[in-house]
Amino acid sequence: LKGKTAIITGAGRSVLSDGRCGSIGYGIATAYAKEGADLVLAGRNLETLQPVAETCRAMGVAAYTIEWDVADVERADEMMAKAAELMGDLNVVLHNAGVIDREKFLAVRAEEWDRIFAVNVKGAYFCCQAAANFYLKAHEGADFKGKIIVISSECGHQPHISPYGISKWSVHGLCNGLAKALFKRGVVLQNIAPGPVTTEMMLWEPGKSDAYNSA
């Protein structure tokens, strides 16, 4: 990835009670930095982004931070342009931002459903749209224009009754459709669906996670 540039959403670092890093975004960012990519790290909280940026810079790459809640979809095009401006170009857009619900099926309220879908589905959709529009305009004429990676969940491959699980099912379908449509235009989209990972978001109680689809 040396010489490549990437924006990573949901890149903030959280720390678990035992001192371990509790963020997939942190793991992705540092892996990219290790491979030589220059980065723009996006998230809702600049304070949690800064330690990630410092770690990446210590690996010898450029690492910028921008405050962006992906649920604010009106800013998606602006964020792609900003990332490209900071780094000179943009080669990879990696959508990692996501939130999880805490209530069981019989207690879920509409507000919780809306919050989950605003980030996990609507945010992913318009982040991909903005990335594709940027690539098609900025890299017009190139056979390969850019790459989009969406971090989803294994929940997207099986039935669920929680808003989180259903949102990831939606993202899985979205990515399957977009991958086929964008490939014809020179944009490659991949969906990575990890299983349970010990992160701050996943821990319902310290050291303990629970099933997404419990009623």
C-alpha atoms as a PDB file:
ATOM      1  CA  LEU A   1       0.000   0.000   0.000  1.00  0.00           C
ATOM      2  CA  LYS A   2       3.009   2.318  -0.109  1.00  0.00           C
ATOM      3  CA  GLY A   3       2.080   5.459  -1.983  1.00  0.00           C
ATOM      4  CA  LYS A   4      -1.658   4.787  -1.618  1.00  0.00           C
ATOM      5  CA  THR A   5      -4.129   6.916   0.301  1.00  0.00           C
ATOM      6  CA  ALA A   6      -7.183   5.878   2.284  1.00  0.00           C
ATOM      7  CA  ILE A   7      -9.971   7.312   4.397  1.00  0.00           C
ATOM      8  CA  ILE A   8     -11.202   5.079   7.221  1.00  0.00           C
ATOM      9  CA  THR A   9     -14.482   5.815   8.999  1.00  0.00           C
ATOM     10  CA  GLY A  10     -15.058   4.671  12.561  1.00  0.00           C
ATOM     11  CA  ALA A  11     -11.313   4.860  13.129  1.00  0.00           C
ATOM     12  CA  GLY A  12     -11.323   6.037  16.748  1.00  0.00           C
ATOM     13  CA  ARG A  13      -9.526   4.108  19.441  1.00  0.00           C
ATOM     14  CA  SER A  14     -11.217   2.790  22.552  1.00  0.00           C
ATOM     15  CA  VAL A  15      -9.519   0.998  25.424  1.00  0.00           C
ATOM     16  CA  LEU A  16     -11.015  -1.956  27.284  1.00  0.00           C
ATOM     17  CA  SER A  17     -10.959  -2.261  31.058  1.00  0.00           C
ATOM     18  CA  ASP A  18      -7.937  -4.584  30.867  1.00  0.00           C
ATOM     19  CA  GLY A  19      -5.981  -2.087  28.783  1.00  0.00           C
ATOM     20  CA  ARG A  20      -6.387  -3.779  25.416  1.00  0.00           C
ATOM     21  CA  CYS A  21      -7.482  -1.789  22.374  1.00  0.00           C
ATOM     22  CA  GLY A  22     -11.203  -2.232  21.779  1.00  0.00           C
ATOM     23  CA  SER A  23     -11.567  -0.939  18.232  1.00  0.00           C
ATOM     24  CA  ILE A  24     -11.593  -2.639  14.834  1.00  0.00           C
ATOM     25  CA  GLY A  25     -10.937   0.772  13.307  1.00  0.00           C
ATOM     26  CA  TYR A  26      -7.691   1.089  15.242  1.00  0.00           C
ATOM     27  CA  GLY A  27      -6.581  -2.325  14.029  1.00  0.00           C
ATOM     28  CA  ILE A  28      -7.376  -1.467  10.426  1.00  0.00           C
ATOM     29  CA  ALA A  29      -5.666   1.921  10.562  1.00  0.00           C
ATOM     30  CA  THR A  30      -2.448   0.585  12.046  1.00  0.00           C
ATOM     31  CA  ALA A  31      -2.404  -2.314   9.558  1.00  0.00           C
ATOM     32  CA  TYR A  32      -2.712   0.158   6.692  1.00  0.00           C
ATOM     33  CA  ALA A  33       0.011   2.342   8.168  1.00  0.00           C
ATOM     34  CA  LYS A  34       2.299  -0.661   8.520  1.00  0.00           C
ATOM     35  CA  GLU A  35       1.866  -1.268   4.798  1.00  0.00           C
ATOM     36  CA  GLY A  36       2.778   2.351   4.006  1.00  0.00           C
ATOM     37  CA  ALA A  37      -0.600   3.966   3.258  1.00  0.00           C
ATOM     38  CA  ASP A  38      -1.243   7.609   4.091  1.00  0.00           C
ATOM     39  CA  LEU A  39      -4.500   8.002   5.994  1.00  0.00           C
ATOM     40  CA  VAL A  40      -7.422  10.193   6.856  1.00  0.00           C
ATOM     41  CA  LEU A  41      -9.080   8.915  10.021  1.00  0.00           C
ATOM     42  CA  ALA A  42     -12.724   9.883  10.432  1.00  0.00           C
ATOM     43  CA  GLY A  43     -14.951   9.543  13.463  1.00  0.00           C
ATOM     44  CA  ARG A  44     -17.410  11.293  15.745  1.00  0.00           C
ATOM     45  CA  ASN A  45     -14.813  12.122  18.406  1.00  0.00           C
ATOM     46  CA  LEU A  46     -11.491  13.757  17.569  1.00  0.00           C
ATOM     47  CA  GLU A  47     -10.114  12.820  20.993  1.00  0.00           C
ATOM     48  CA  THR A  48     -10.354   9.104  20.218  1.00  0.00           C
ATOM     49  CA  LEU A  49      -8.939   9.619  16.714  1.00  0.00           C
ATOM     50  CA  GLN A  50      -5.808  11.435  17.844  1.00  0.00           C
ATOM     51  CA  PRO A  51      -4.061   8.454  19.530  1.00  0.00           C
ATOM     52  CA  VAL A  52      -4.645   6.374  16.390  1.00  0.00           C
ATOM     53  CA  ALA A  53      -3.186   9.108  14.201  1.00  0.00           C
ATOM     54  CA  GLU A  54      -0.123   9.405  16.444  1.00  0.00           C
ATOM     55  CA  THR A  55       0.470   5.661  16.307  1.00  0.00           C
ATOM     56  CA  CYS A  56       0.221   5.692  12.516  1.00  0.00           C
ATOM     57  CA  ARG A  57       2.551   8.674  12.155  1.00  0.00           C
ATOM     58  CA  ALA A  58       5.119   6.849  14.278  1.00  0.00           C
ATOM     59  CA  MET A  59       5.122   4.216  11.517  1.00  0.00           C
ATOM     60  CA  GLY A  60       6.253   6.841   9.023  1.00  0.00           C
ATOM     61  CA  VAL A  61       3.014   7.700   7.217  1.00  0.00           C
ATOM     62  CA  ALA A  62       0.829  10.787   7.080  1.00  0.00           C
ATOM     63  CA  ALA A  63      -2.287  10.535   9.239  1.00  0.00           C
ATOM     64  CA  TYR A  64      -4.952  13.235   9.394  1.00  0.00           C
ATOM     65  CA  THR A  65      -8.110  13.336  11.484  1.00  0.00           C
ATOM     66  CA  ILE A  66     -11.544  14.689  10.583  1.00  0.00           C
ATOM     67  CA  GLU A  67     -14.678  14.761  12.698  1.00  0.00           C
ATOM     68  CA  TRP A  68     -17.555  13.086  10.868  1.00  0.00           C
ATOM     69  CA  ASP A  69     -20.603  11.176  12.016  1.00  0.00           C
ATOM     70  CA  VAL A  70     -21.466   9.035   8.966  1.00  0.00           C
ATOM     71  CA  ALA A  71     -25.156   9.394   9.841  1.00  0.00           C
ATOM     72  CA  ASP A  72     -24.716  12.985   8.656  1.00  0.00           C
ATOM     73  CA  VAL A  73     -24.930  11.852   5.045  1.00  0.00           C
ATOM     74  CA  GLU A  74     -25.109  15.393   3.685  1.00  0.00           C
ATOM     75  CA  ARG A  75     -21.382  15.692   4.449  1.00  0.00           C
ATOM     76  CA  ALA A  76     -20.293  12.536   2.611  1.00  0.00           C
ATOM     77  CA  ASP A  77     -19.224  14.235  -0.628  1.00  0.00           C
ATOM     78  CA  GLU A  78     -17.470  16.945   1.379  1.00  0.00           C
ATOM     79  CA  MET A  79     -15.516  14.320   3.333  1.00  0.00           C
ATOM     80  CA  MET A  80     -14.262  12.565   0.188  1.00  0.00           C
ATOM     81  CA  ALA A  81     -13.122  15.881  -1.257  1.00  0.00           C
ATOM     82  CA  LYS A  82     -11.479  16.850   2.043  1.00  0.00           C
ATOM     83  CA  ALA A  83      -9.603  13.563   2.284  1.00  0.00           C
ATOM     84  CA  ALA A  84      -8.323  13.915  -1.270  1.00  0.00           C
ATOM     85  CA  GLU A  85      -7.286  17.509  -0.587  1.00  0.00           C
ATOM     86  CA  LEU A  86      -5.319  16.535   2.516  1.00  0.00           C
ATOM     87  CA  MET A  87      -3.454  13.674   0.812  1.00  0.00           C
ATOM     88  CA  GLY A  88      -3.373  14.765  -2.815  1.00  0.00           C
ATOM     89  CA  ASP A  89      -5.586  11.879  -3.958  1.00  0.00           C
ATOM     90  CA  LEU A  90      -7.832   9.126  -2.637  1.00  0.00           C
ATOM     91  CA  ASN A  91      -7.453   5.454  -3.539  1.00  0.00           C
ATOM     92  CA  VAL A  92      -9.370   3.575  -0.834  1.00  0.00           C
ATOM     93  CA  VAL A  93     -12.551   4.405   1.062  1.00  0.00           C
ATOM     94  CA  LEU A  94     -13.015   2.027   3.993  1.00  0.00           C
ATOM     95  CA  HIS A  95     -16.370   2.284   5.741  1.00  0.00           C
ATOM     96  CA  ASN A  96     -15.975   0.789   9.217  1.00  0.00           C
ATOM     97  CA  ALA A  97     -18.316   2.969  11.298  1.00  0.00           C
ATOM     98  CA  GLY A  98     -21.143   1.106  13.000  1.00  0.00           C
ATOM     99  CA  VAL A  99     -23.271   0.972  16.133  1.00  0.00           C
ATOM    100  CA  ILE A 100     -24.987  -1.901  17.929  1.00  0.00           C
ATOM    101  CA  ASP A 101     -28.271  -2.141  19.825  1.00  0.00           C
ATOM    102  CA  ARG A 102     -28.499  -3.118  23.487  1.00  0.00           C
ATOM    103  CA  GLU A 103     -32.150  -4.096  23.833  1.00  0.00           C
ATOM    104  CA  LYS A 104     -33.742  -7.490  23.288  1.00  0.00           C
ATOM    105  CA  PHE A 105     -36.413  -7.832  20.595  1.00  0.00           C
ATOM    106  CA  LEU A 106     -39.448  -7.311  22.855  1.00  0.00           C
ATOM    107  CA  ALA A 107     -38.017  -4.059  24.245  1.00  0.00           C
ATOM    108  CA  VAL A 108     -36.691  -2.415  21.064  1.00  0.00           C
ATOM    109  CA  ARG A 109     -38.146   1.043  20.420  1.00  0.00           C
ATOM    110  CA  ALA A 110     -38.428   2.953  17.142  1.00  0.00           C
ATOM    111  CA  GLU A 111     -35.770   5.432  18.255  1.00  0.00           C
ATOM    112  CA  GLU A 112     -33.251   2.618  18.647  1.00  0.00           C
ATOM    113  CA  TRP A 113     -34.128   1.183  15.244  1.00  0.00           C
ATOM    114  CA  ASP A 114     -33.671   4.598  13.604  1.00  0.00           C
ATOM    115  CA  ARG A 115     -30.304   5.159  15.304  1.00  0.00           C
ATOM    116  CA  ILE A 116     -28.964   1.788  14.144  1.00  0.00           C
ATOM    117  CA  PHE A 117     -30.138   2.177  10.566  1.00  0.00           C
ATOM    118  CA  ALA A 118     -28.985   5.803  10.304  1.00  0.00           C
ATOM    119  CA  VAL A 119     -25.368   4.721  10.838  1.00  0.00           C
ATOM    120  CA  ASN A 120     -25.191   1.113   9.678  1.00  0.00           C
ATOM    121  CA  VAL A 121     -27.315   1.285   6.531  1.00  0.00           C
ATOM    122  CA  LYS A 122     -27.932   4.886   5.493  1.00  0.00           C
ATOM    123  CA  GLY A 123     -24.390   5.876   6.456  1.00  0.00           C
ATOM    124  CA  ALA A 124     -22.895   2.982   4.489  1.00  0.00           C
ATOM    125  CA  TYR A 125     -25.077   3.665   1.450  1.00  0.00           C
ATOM    126  CA  PHE A 126     -24.184   7.327   1.127  1.00  0.00           C
ATOM    127  CA  CYS A 127     -20.528   6.806   2.011  1.00  0.00           C
ATOM    128  CA  CYS A 128     -20.313   4.342  -0.895  1.00  0.00           C
ATOM    129  CA  GLN A 129     -22.217   6.739  -3.145  1.00  0.00           C
ATOM    130  CA  ALA A 130     -19.870   9.620  -2.329  1.00  0.00           C
ATOM    131  CA  ALA A 131     -16.804   7.415  -2.839  1.00  0.00           C
ATOM    132  CA  ALA A 132     -18.044   6.187  -6.219  1.00  0.00           C
ATOM    133  CA  ASN A 133     -18.887   9.705  -7.377  1.00  0.00           C
ATOM    134  CA  PHE A 134     -15.443  10.910  -6.340  1.00  0.00           C
ATOM    135  CA  TYR A 135     -13.627   8.087  -8.142  1.00  0.00           C
ATOM    136  CA  LEU A 136     -15.645   8.406 -11.352  1.00  0.00           C
ATOM    137  CA  LYS A 137     -14.915  12.124 -11.553  1.00  0.00           C
ATOM    138  CA  ALA A 138     -11.367  12.342 -10.175  1.00  0.00           C
ATOM    139  CA  HIS A 139     -10.031   9.226 -11.949  1.00  0.00           C
ATOM    140  CA  GLU A 140     -12.013   9.496 -15.149  1.00  0.00           C
ATOM    141  CA  GLY A 141     -10.377   7.558 -17.976  1.00  0.00           C
ATOM    142  CA  ALA A 142      -8.563   5.104 -15.701  1.00  0.00           C
ATOM    143  CA  ASP A 143      -9.490   1.431 -16.020  1.00  0.00           C
ATOM    144  CA  PHE A 144      -9.288   1.027 -12.240  1.00  0.00           C
ATOM    145  CA  LYS A 145     -10.623   4.104 -10.502  1.00  0.00           C
ATOM    146  CA  GLY A 146     -10.633   3.168  -6.809  1.00  0.00           C
ATOM    147  CA  LYS A 147     -11.640   0.760  -4.090  1.00  0.00           C
ATOM    148  CA  ILE A 148     -14.423   0.752  -1.517  1.00  0.00           C
ATOM    149  CA  ILE A 149     -14.336  -1.620   1.465  1.00  0.00           C
ATOM    150  CA  VAL A 150     -17.310  -1.994   3.784  1.00  0.00           C
ATOM    151  CA  ILE A 151     -16.856  -3.679   7.167  1.00  0.00           C
ATOM    152  CA  SER A 152     -20.104  -5.453   7.907  1.00  0.00           C
ATOM    153  CA  SER A 153     -20.743  -8.496  10.110  1.00  0.00           C
ATOM    154  CA  GLU A 154     -21.423 -12.203   9.871  1.00  0.00           C
ATOM    155  CA  CYS A 155     -24.946 -11.173  10.912  1.00  0.00           C
ATOM    156  CA  GLY A 156     -25.441 -10.151   7.314  1.00  0.00           C
ATOM    157  CA  HIS A 157     -25.333 -13.785   6.279  1.00  0.00           C
ATOM    158  CA  GLN A 158     -27.988 -15.187   8.588  1.00  0.00           C
ATOM    159  CA  PRO A 159     -31.487 -14.299   9.847  1.00  0.00           C
ATOM    160  CA  HIS A 160     -31.706 -12.006  12.865  1.00  0.00           C
ATOM    161  CA  ILE A 161     -34.391 -10.214  14.826  1.00  0.00           C
ATOM    162  CA  SER A 162     -32.342  -7.363  16.289  1.00  0.00           C
ATOM    163  CA  PRO A 163     -32.052  -4.003  14.513  1.00  0.00           C
ATOM    164  CA  TYR A 164     -28.282  -4.525  14.384  1.00  0.00           C
ATOM    165  CA  GLY A 165     -28.551  -7.926  12.742  1.00  0.00           C
ATOM    166  CA  ILE A 166     -31.160  -6.747  10.260  1.00  0.00           C
ATOM    167  CA  SER A 167     -29.066  -3.686   9.429  1.00  0.00           C
ATOM    168  CA  LYS A 168     -26.097  -5.894   8.593  1.00  0.00           C
ATOM    169  CA  TRP A 169     -28.341  -8.124   6.477  1.00  0.00           C
ATOM    170  CA  SER A 170     -29.244  -4.938   4.570  1.00  0.00           C
ATOM    171  CA  VAL A 171     -25.591  -3.957   4.183  1.00  0.00           C
ATOM    172  CA  HIS A 172     -24.751  -7.403   2.826  1.00  0.00           C
ATOM    173  CA  GLY A 173     -27.425  -7.036   0.155  1.00  0.00           C
ATOM    174  CA  LEU A 174     -26.342  -3.479  -0.603  1.00  0.00           C
ATOM    175  CA  CYS A 175     -22.730  -4.524  -1.104  1.00  0.00           C
ATOM    176  CA  ASN A 176     -23.647  -7.450  -3.355  1.00  0.00           C
ATOM    177  CA  GLY A 177     -25.630  -5.125  -5.579  1.00  0.00           C
ATOM    178  CA  LEU A 178     -23.117  -2.287  -5.581  1.00  0.00           C
ATOM    179  CA  ALA A 179     -20.144  -4.571  -6.248  1.00  0.00           C
ATOM    180  CA  LYS A 180     -21.710  -5.756  -9.501  1.00  0.00           C
ATOM    181  CA  ALA A 181     -22.829  -2.298 -10.590  1.00  0.00           C
ATOM    182  CA  LEU A 182     -19.615  -0.429  -9.757  1.00  0.00           C
ATOM    183  CA  PHE A 183     -17.227  -3.056 -11.132  1.00  0.00           C
ATOM    184  CA  LYS A 184     -18.477  -2.212 -14.626  1.00  0.00           C
ATOM    185  CA  ARG A 185     -17.442   1.401 -13.991  1.00  0.00           C
ATOM    186  CA  GLY A 186     -13.942   0.572 -12.726  1.00  0.00           C
ATOM    187  CA  VAL A 187     -14.653   0.767  -8.983  1.00  0.00           C
ATOM    188  CA  VAL A 188     -14.028  -2.350  -6.885  1.00  0.00           C
ATOM    189  CA  LEU A 189     -16.196  -2.864  -3.787  1.00  0.00           C
ATOM    190  CA  GLN A 190     -15.590  -5.524  -1.159  1.00  0.00           C
ATOM    191  CA  ASN A 191     -17.618  -6.415   1.912  1.00  0.00           C
ATOM    192  CA  ILE A 192     -15.747  -7.908   4.875  1.00  0.00           C
ATOM    193  CA  ALA A 193     -17.994  -9.613   7.417  1.00  0.00           C
ATOM    194  CA  PRO A 194     -16.118 -10.449  10.648  1.00  0.00           C
ATOM    195  CA  GLY A 195     -17.533 -12.617  13.395  1.00  0.00           C
ATOM    196  CA  PRO A 196     -17.604 -11.544  17.061  1.00  0.00           C
ATOM    197  CA  VAL A 197     -14.594  -9.432  17.984  1.00  0.00           C
ATOM    198  CA  THR A 198     -13.798  -8.312  21.526  1.00  0.00           C
ATOM    199  CA  THR A 199     -14.327  -4.587  21.196  1.00  0.00           C
ATOM    200  CA  GLU A 200     -15.824  -2.008  23.513  1.00  0.00           C
ATOM    201  CA  MET A 201     -18.974  -1.938  21.360  1.00  0.00           C
ATOM    202  CA  MET A 202     -19.449  -5.692  21.673  1.00  0.00           C
ATOM    203  CA  LEU A 203     -19.095  -5.942  25.432  1.00  0.00           C
ATOM    204  CA  TRP A 204     -22.479  -5.908  27.106  1.00  0.00           C
ATOM    205  CA  GLU A 205     -20.800  -6.469  30.472  1.00  0.00           C
ATOM    206  CA  PRO A 206     -17.051  -6.319  31.152  1.00  0.00           C
ATOM    207  CA  GLY A 207     -15.572  -9.418  29.529  1.00  0.00           C
ATOM    208  CA  LYS A 208     -18.939 -10.775  28.414  1.00  0.00           C
ATOM    209  CA  SER A 209     -20.847 -10.505  25.146  1.00  0.00           C
ATOM    210  CA  ASP A 210     -24.392 -11.596  24.409  1.00  0.00           C
ATOM    211  CA  ALA A 211     -26.296 -12.967  21.414  1.00  0.00           C
ATOM    212  CA  TYR A 212     -27.681 -10.343  19.042  1.00  0.00           C
ATOM    213  CA  ASN A 213     -30.997 -12.101  18.484  1.00  0.00           C
ATOM    214  CA  SER A 214     -32.090 -12.949  22.007  1.00  0.00           C
ATOM    215  CA  ALA A 215     -35.788 -12.235  22.567  1.00  0.00           C
END
